[in-house]
C-alpha atoms as a PDB file:
ATOM      1  CA  MET A   1     109.175  94.387 102.385  1.00  0.00           C
ATOM      2  CA  ILE A   2     108.942  94.358 106.169  1.00  0.00           C
ATOM      3  CA  SER A   3     106.952  92.362 108.722  1.00  0.00           C
ATOM      4  CA  SER A   4     104.298  94.243 110.657  1.00  0.00           C
ATOM      5  CA  ILE A   5     104.627  94.726 114.413  1.00  0.00           C
ATOM      6  CA  HIS A   6     101.147  96.280 114.450  1.00  0.00           C
ATOM      7  CA  GLN A   7      97.612  94.956 114.506  1.00  0.00           C
ATOM      8  CA  ILE A   8      94.908  97.268 113.128  1.00  0.00           C
ATOM      9  CA  ASP A   9      91.174  96.711 113.611  1.00  0.00           C
ATOM     10  CA  PHE A  10      88.262  98.885 112.466  1.00  0.00           C
ATOM     11  CA  PHE A  11      85.184  98.896 114.743  1.00  0.00           C
ATOM     12  CA  PRO A  12      82.154 100.347 112.877  1.00  0.00           C
ATOM     13  CA  ALA A  13      80.070 102.759 114.962  1.00  0.00           C
ATOM     14  CA  ASP A  14      76.875 100.826 114.157  1.00  0.00           C
ATOM     15  CA  GLY A  15      78.090  97.933 116.305  1.00  0.00           C
ATOM     16  CA  SER A  16      78.635  95.481 113.439  1.00  0.00           C
ATOM     17  CA  SER A  17      81.614  93.108 113.488  1.00  0.00           C
ATOM     18  CA  SER A  18      85.107  94.552 113.568  1.00  0.00           C
ATOM     19  CA  ILE A  19      87.383  94.160 110.548  1.00  0.00           C
ATOM     20  CA  ARG A  20      91.050  93.176 110.860  1.00  0.00           C
ATOM     21  CA  LEU A  21      92.967  95.355 108.395  1.00  0.00           C
ATOM     22  CA  LEU A  22      96.503  94.403 109.454  1.00  0.00           C
ATOM     23  CA  ASP A  23      97.911  91.645 111.650  1.00  0.00           C
ATOM     24  CA  TYR A  24     101.245  90.908 113.283  1.00  0.00           C
ATOM     25  CA  GLY A  25     103.694  89.451 110.774  1.00  0.00           C
ATOM     26  CA  ASP A  26     101.812  90.660 107.675  1.00  0.00           C
ATOM     27  CA  ARG A  27     104.178  91.702 104.905  1.00  0.00           C
ATOM     28  CA  MET A  28     104.105  95.472 104.343  1.00  0.00           C
ATOM     29  CA  GLN A  29     105.528  97.852 101.773  1.00  0.00           C
ATOM     30  CA  ASP A  30     106.702 100.471 104.323  1.00  0.00           C
ATOM     31  CA  PRO A  31     106.551 101.044 108.092  1.00  0.00           C
ATOM     32  CA  LEU A  32     103.403 102.686 109.474  1.00  0.00           C
ATOM     33  CA  GLN A  33     103.324 106.458 109.893  1.00  0.00           C
ATOM     34  CA  PHE A  34     100.768 108.455 111.871  1.00  0.00           C
ATOM     35  CA  PRO A  35     100.890 112.058 110.591  1.00  0.00           C
ATOM     36  CA  VAL A  36      98.711 114.819 112.036  1.00  0.00           C
ATOM     37  CA  SER A  37      97.578 117.774 109.916  1.00  0.00           C
ATOM     38  CA  ILE A  38      95.380 120.828 110.319  1.00  0.00           C
ATOM     39  CA  SER A  39      93.928 123.406 107.958  1.00  0.00           C
ATOM     40  CA  VAL A  40      95.084 127.000 108.221  1.00  0.00           C
ATOM     41  CA  ASP A  41      94.125 130.412 106.926  1.00  0.00           C
ATOM     42  CA  SER A  42      97.200 132.250 105.663  1.00  0.00           C
ATOM     43  CA  TYR A  43      97.446 136.013 105.811  1.00  0.00           C
ATOM     44  CA  ALA A  44     100.346 137.875 104.141  1.00  0.00           C
ATOM     45  CA  PRO A  45      99.914 141.673 104.308  1.00  0.00           C
ATOM     46  CA  ILE A  46     101.378 143.672 101.433  1.00  0.00           C
ATOM     47  CA  GLY A  47     104.780 145.085 102.276  1.00  0.00           C
ATOM     48  CA  GLN A  48     105.348 142.861 105.323  1.00  0.00           C
ATOM     49  CA  THR A  49     108.376 140.583 105.537  1.00  0.00           C
ATOM     50  CA  TYR A  50     106.391 137.638 106.898  1.00  0.00           C
ATOM     51  CA  GLY A  51     102.796 136.484 106.864  1.00  0.00           C
ATOM     52  CA  ILE A  52     100.927 134.519 109.479  1.00  0.00           C
ATOM     53  CA  ASP A  53      99.021 131.254 109.568  1.00  0.00           C
ATOM     54  CA  ILE A  54      95.906 130.971 111.702  1.00  0.00           C
ATOM     55  CA  PRO A  55      94.792 127.412 112.544  1.00  0.00           C
ATOM     56  CA  LYS A  56      91.178 126.561 111.818  1.00  0.00           C
ATOM     57  CA  TRP A  57      89.087 123.480 112.483  1.00  0.00           C
ATOM     58  CA  GLY A  58      90.523 120.454 114.231  1.00  0.00           C
ATOM     59  CA  ALA A  59      93.485 118.226 113.642  1.00  0.00           C
ATOM     60  CA  ARG A  60      93.029 115.087 111.555  1.00  0.00           C
ATOM     61  CA  ARG A  61      95.133 112.021 110.963  1.00  0.00           C
ATOM     62  CA  ALA A  62      95.657 110.298 107.620  1.00  0.00           C
ATOM     63  CA  ILE A  63      96.972 106.746 107.880  1.00  0.00           C
ATOM     64  CA  ASP A  64      98.054 104.809 104.782  1.00  0.00           C
ATOM     65  CA  TRP A  65      99.641 101.390 104.492  1.00  0.00           C
ATOM     66  CA  SER A  66      99.995  98.484 102.084  1.00  0.00           C
ATOM     67  CA  ARG A  67      99.772  94.798 102.963  1.00  0.00           C
ATOM     68  CA  ARG A  68     100.820  91.790 100.868  1.00  0.00           C
ATOM     69  CA  THR A  69      98.619  88.675 101.105  1.00  0.00           C
ATOM     70  CA  GLU A  70      99.408  85.215  99.694  1.00  0.00           C
ATOM     71  CA  HIS A  71      96.608  83.204  98.035  1.00  0.00           C
ATOM     72  CA  ALA A  72      96.163  79.597  96.857  1.00  0.00           C
ATOM     73  CA  SER A  73      95.947  80.400  93.126  1.00  0.00           C
ATOM     74  CA  HIS A  74      95.849  83.163  90.524  1.00  0.00           C
ATOM     75  CA  ALA A  75      92.051  82.892  90.496  1.00  0.00           C
ATOM     76  CA  ALA A  76      91.882  83.300  94.307  1.00  0.00           C
ATOM     77  CA  ALA A  77      94.146  86.361  94.127  1.00  0.00           C
ATOM     78  CA  ALA A  78      92.092  87.900  91.304  1.00  0.00           C
ATOM     79  CA  SER A  79      88.843  87.274  93.193  1.00  0.00           C
ATOM     80  CA  TYR A  80      90.272  88.801  96.380  1.00  0.00           C
ATOM     81  CA  ALA A  81      91.455  91.882  94.451  1.00  0.00           C
ATOM     82  CA  MET A  82      87.853  92.534  93.342  1.00  0.00           C
ATOM     83  CA  ARG A  83      85.977  91.324  96.437  1.00  0.00           C
ATOM     84  CA  HIS A  84      87.961  92.746  99.365  1.00  0.00           C
ATOM     85  CA  PRO A  85      87.793  96.496  98.537  1.00  0.00           C
ATOM     86  CA  ALA A  86      84.039  96.193  97.923  1.00  0.00           C
ATOM     87  CA  SER A  87      83.546  94.665 101.397  1.00  0.00           C
ATOM     88  CA  MET A  88      84.785  97.740 103.297  1.00  0.00           C
ATOM     89  CA  PRO A  89      82.207  99.806 105.283  1.00  0.00           C
ATOM     90  CA  TYR A  90      82.904 103.097 103.472  1.00  0.00           C
ATOM     91  CA  MET A  91      79.826 105.054 104.451  1.00  0.00           C
ATOM     92  CA  GLN A  92      80.212 104.982 108.231  1.00  0.00           C
ATOM     93  CA  THR A  93      82.466 106.164 110.999  1.00  0.00           C
ATOM     94  CA  GLY A  94      84.048 103.991 113.614  1.00  0.00           C
ATOM     95  CA  LYS A  95      87.066 103.494 115.812  1.00  0.00           C
ATOM     96  CA  LEU A  96      90.433 102.355 114.486  1.00  0.00           C
ATOM     97  CA  ARG A  97      92.411 100.427 117.104  1.00  0.00           C
ATOM     98  CA  VAL A  98      96.177 100.173 116.561  1.00  0.00           C
ATOM     99  CA  THR A  99      98.036  97.694 118.768  1.00  0.00           C
ATOM    100  CA  VAL A 100     101.831  97.559 118.905  1.00  0.00           C
ATOM    101  CA  GLN A 101     103.017  93.985 119.458  1.00  0.00           C
ATOM    102  CA  GLY A 102     104.087  93.789 123.104  1.00  0.00           C
ATOM    103  CA  GLY A 103     103.393  97.514 123.519  1.00  0.00           C
ATOM    104  CA  GLU A 104     100.733 100.171 123.640  1.00  0.00           C
ATOM    105  CA  VAL A 105      97.198 100.217 122.257  1.00  0.00           C
ATOM    106  CA  TRP A 106      95.775 103.388 120.686  1.00  0.00           C
ATOM    107  CA  ASP A 107      92.263 104.238 119.509  1.00  0.00           C
ATOM    108  CA  PHE A 108      91.747 106.652 116.614  1.00  0.00           C
ATOM    109  CA  LEU A 109      88.245 108.046 117.114  1.00  0.00           C
ATOM    110  CA  ASP A 110      85.880 109.243 114.369  1.00  0.00           C
ATOM    111  CA  SER A 111      87.700 107.092 111.813  1.00  0.00           C
ATOM    112  CA  VAL A 112      86.521 106.679 108.241  1.00  0.00           C
ATOM    113  CA  ILE A 113      87.800 104.261 105.610  1.00  0.00           C
ATOM    114  CA  LEU A 114      88.643 106.615 102.745  1.00  0.00           C
ATOM    115  CA  GLY A 115      89.863 104.003 100.317  1.00  0.00           C
ATOM    116  CA  CYS A 116      90.983 100.430  99.763  1.00  0.00           C
ATOM    117  CA  THR A 117      92.716  99.243  96.592  1.00  0.00           C
ATOM    118  CA  SER A 118      93.826  95.692  95.926  1.00  0.00           C
ATOM    119  CA  THR A 119      95.880  94.528  92.954  1.00  0.00           C
ATOM    120  CA  GLN A 120      97.500  91.250  91.998  1.00  0.00           C
ATOM    121  CA  ALA A 121     101.219  91.187  92.728  1.00  0.00           C
ATOM    122  CA  PHE A 122     102.937  89.241  89.981  1.00  0.00           C
ATOM    123  CA  SER A 123     106.235  88.720  91.769  1.00  0.00           C
ATOM    124  CA  GLY A 124     106.633  85.508  93.728  1.00  0.00           C
ATOM    125  CA  LYS A 125     103.638  83.302  94.421  1.00  0.00           C
ATOM    126  CA  PHE A 126      99.941  84.102  94.030  1.00  0.00           C
ATOM    127  CA  ALA A 127      99.665  87.366  95.968  1.00  0.00           C
ATOM    128  CA  THR A 128      97.812  90.651  96.207  1.00  0.00           C
ATOM    129  CA  MET A 129      98.971  94.045  97.420  1.00  0.00           C
ATOM    130  CA  THR A 130      96.191  95.884  99.277  1.00  0.00           C
ATOM    131  CA  THR A 131      96.492  99.575 100.148  1.00  0.00           C
ATOM    132  CA  TYR A 132      94.312 101.116 102.861  1.00  0.00           C
ATOM    133  CA  ARG A 133      93.671 104.825 103.477  1.00  0.00           C
ATOM    134  CA  ILE A 134      92.023 105.917 106.743  1.00  0.00           C
ATOM    135  CA  GLY A 135      91.068 109.371 108.020  1.00  0.00           C
ATOM    136  CA  ALA A 136      90.768 109.740 111.793  1.00  0.00           C
ATOM    137  CA  GLY A 137      90.180 112.276 114.536  1.00  0.00           C
ATOM    138  CA  LYS A 138      91.328 112.364 118.140  1.00  0.00           C
ATOM    139  CA  THR A 139      93.845 109.727 119.176  1.00  0.00           C
ATOM    140  CA  VAL A 140      93.572 108.353 122.711  1.00  0.00           C
ATOM    141  CA  PRO A 141      95.550 105.634 124.466  1.00  0.00           C
ATOM    142  CA  ALA A 142      93.441 102.562 125.235  1.00  0.00           C
ATOM    143  CA  TYR A 143      95.895 101.151 127.786  1.00  0.00           C
ATOM    144  CA  ALA A 144      99.555 100.487 128.627  1.00  0.00           C
ATOM    145  CA  ILE A 145     100.834 103.933 127.734  1.00  0.00           C
ATOM    146  CA  ALA A 146     104.520 104.609 128.277  1.00  0.00           C
ATOM    147  CA  LEU A 147     105.606 107.490 130.462  1.00  0.00           C
ATOM    148  CA  THR A 148     107.747 109.475 128.073  1.00  0.00           C
ATOM    149  CA  PRO A 149     108.768 113.142 127.983  1.00  0.00           C
ATOM    150  CA  GLY A 150     106.037 115.238 126.412  1.00  0.00           C
ATOM    151  CA  MET A 151     103.205 112.801 127.275  1.00  0.00           C
ATOM    152  CA  PRO A 152     100.180 114.960 128.186  1.00  0.00           C
ATOM    153  CA  MET A 153      99.127 114.379 131.795  1.00  0.00           C
ATOM    154  CA  GLU A 154      95.477 114.038 130.709  1.00  0.00           C
ATOM    155  CA  TRP A 155      96.462 110.779 128.984  1.00  0.00           C
ATOM    156  CA  ILE A 156      98.253 109.457 132.053  1.00  0.00           C
ATOM    157  CA  HIS A 157      95.410 110.232 134.482  1.00  0.00           C
ATOM    158  CA  GLN A 158      92.489 109.163 132.335  1.00  0.00           C
ATOM    159  CA  ASN A 159      90.313 106.122 132.844  1.00  0.00           C
ATOM    160  CA  TRP A 160      89.183 104.344 129.665  1.00  0.00           C
ATOM    161  CA  GLU A 161      85.684 103.599 131.019  1.00  0.00           C
ATOM    162  CA  THR A 162      85.180 107.277 131.882  1.00  0.00           C
ATOM    163  CA  LEU A 163      86.341 108.288 128.423  1.00  0.00           C
ATOM    164  CA  THR A 164      83.950 105.916 126.647  1.00  0.00           C
ATOM    165  CA  ASN A 165      81.018 106.841 128.918  1.00  0.00           C
ATOM    166  CA  HIS A 166      81.302 110.353 127.490  1.00  0.00           C
ATOM    167  CA  TRP A 167      82.007 109.214 123.915  1.00  0.00           C
ATOM    168  CA  GLU A 168      79.996 112.012 122.312  1.00  0.00           C
ATOM    169  CA  THR A 169      82.461 114.634 123.638  1.00  0.00           C
ATOM    170  CA  TYR A 170      85.389 113.140 121.736  1.00  0.00           C
END
């Protein structure tokens, strides 16, 4: 188990209240990872040594993490394990905001909660282990980006208000 240095909030597109999915210091199974994947069409002509992959559609992100939560009793943990996954806004898109403690803030646009599973953890006190699975689109820095090699200049020169005024293009 590790302690989280991230805070993750989901902001539903309909303007309803944001949901805190992870907070600083929460106990986690593994560190966060932010993989990017795309779909491809593969073409391998007969008799050729190598084939080719042609990218199609846009890149997507799949973010998964698990969080351990302590409760007051076995009954409270069992209730949370049933109640919490059912409270997620599954049928809508939104923005996932990931904040690094003392660091950068990133917004994952066109995010969707794909799944949430919560089970009682029977080691230690009264606890649950909740696993979240999020699918997301374009990732943009909200503020405080670091100037590192490979950082696209469009991120460095952008203005967050300008970006959100043209939200439909992202």
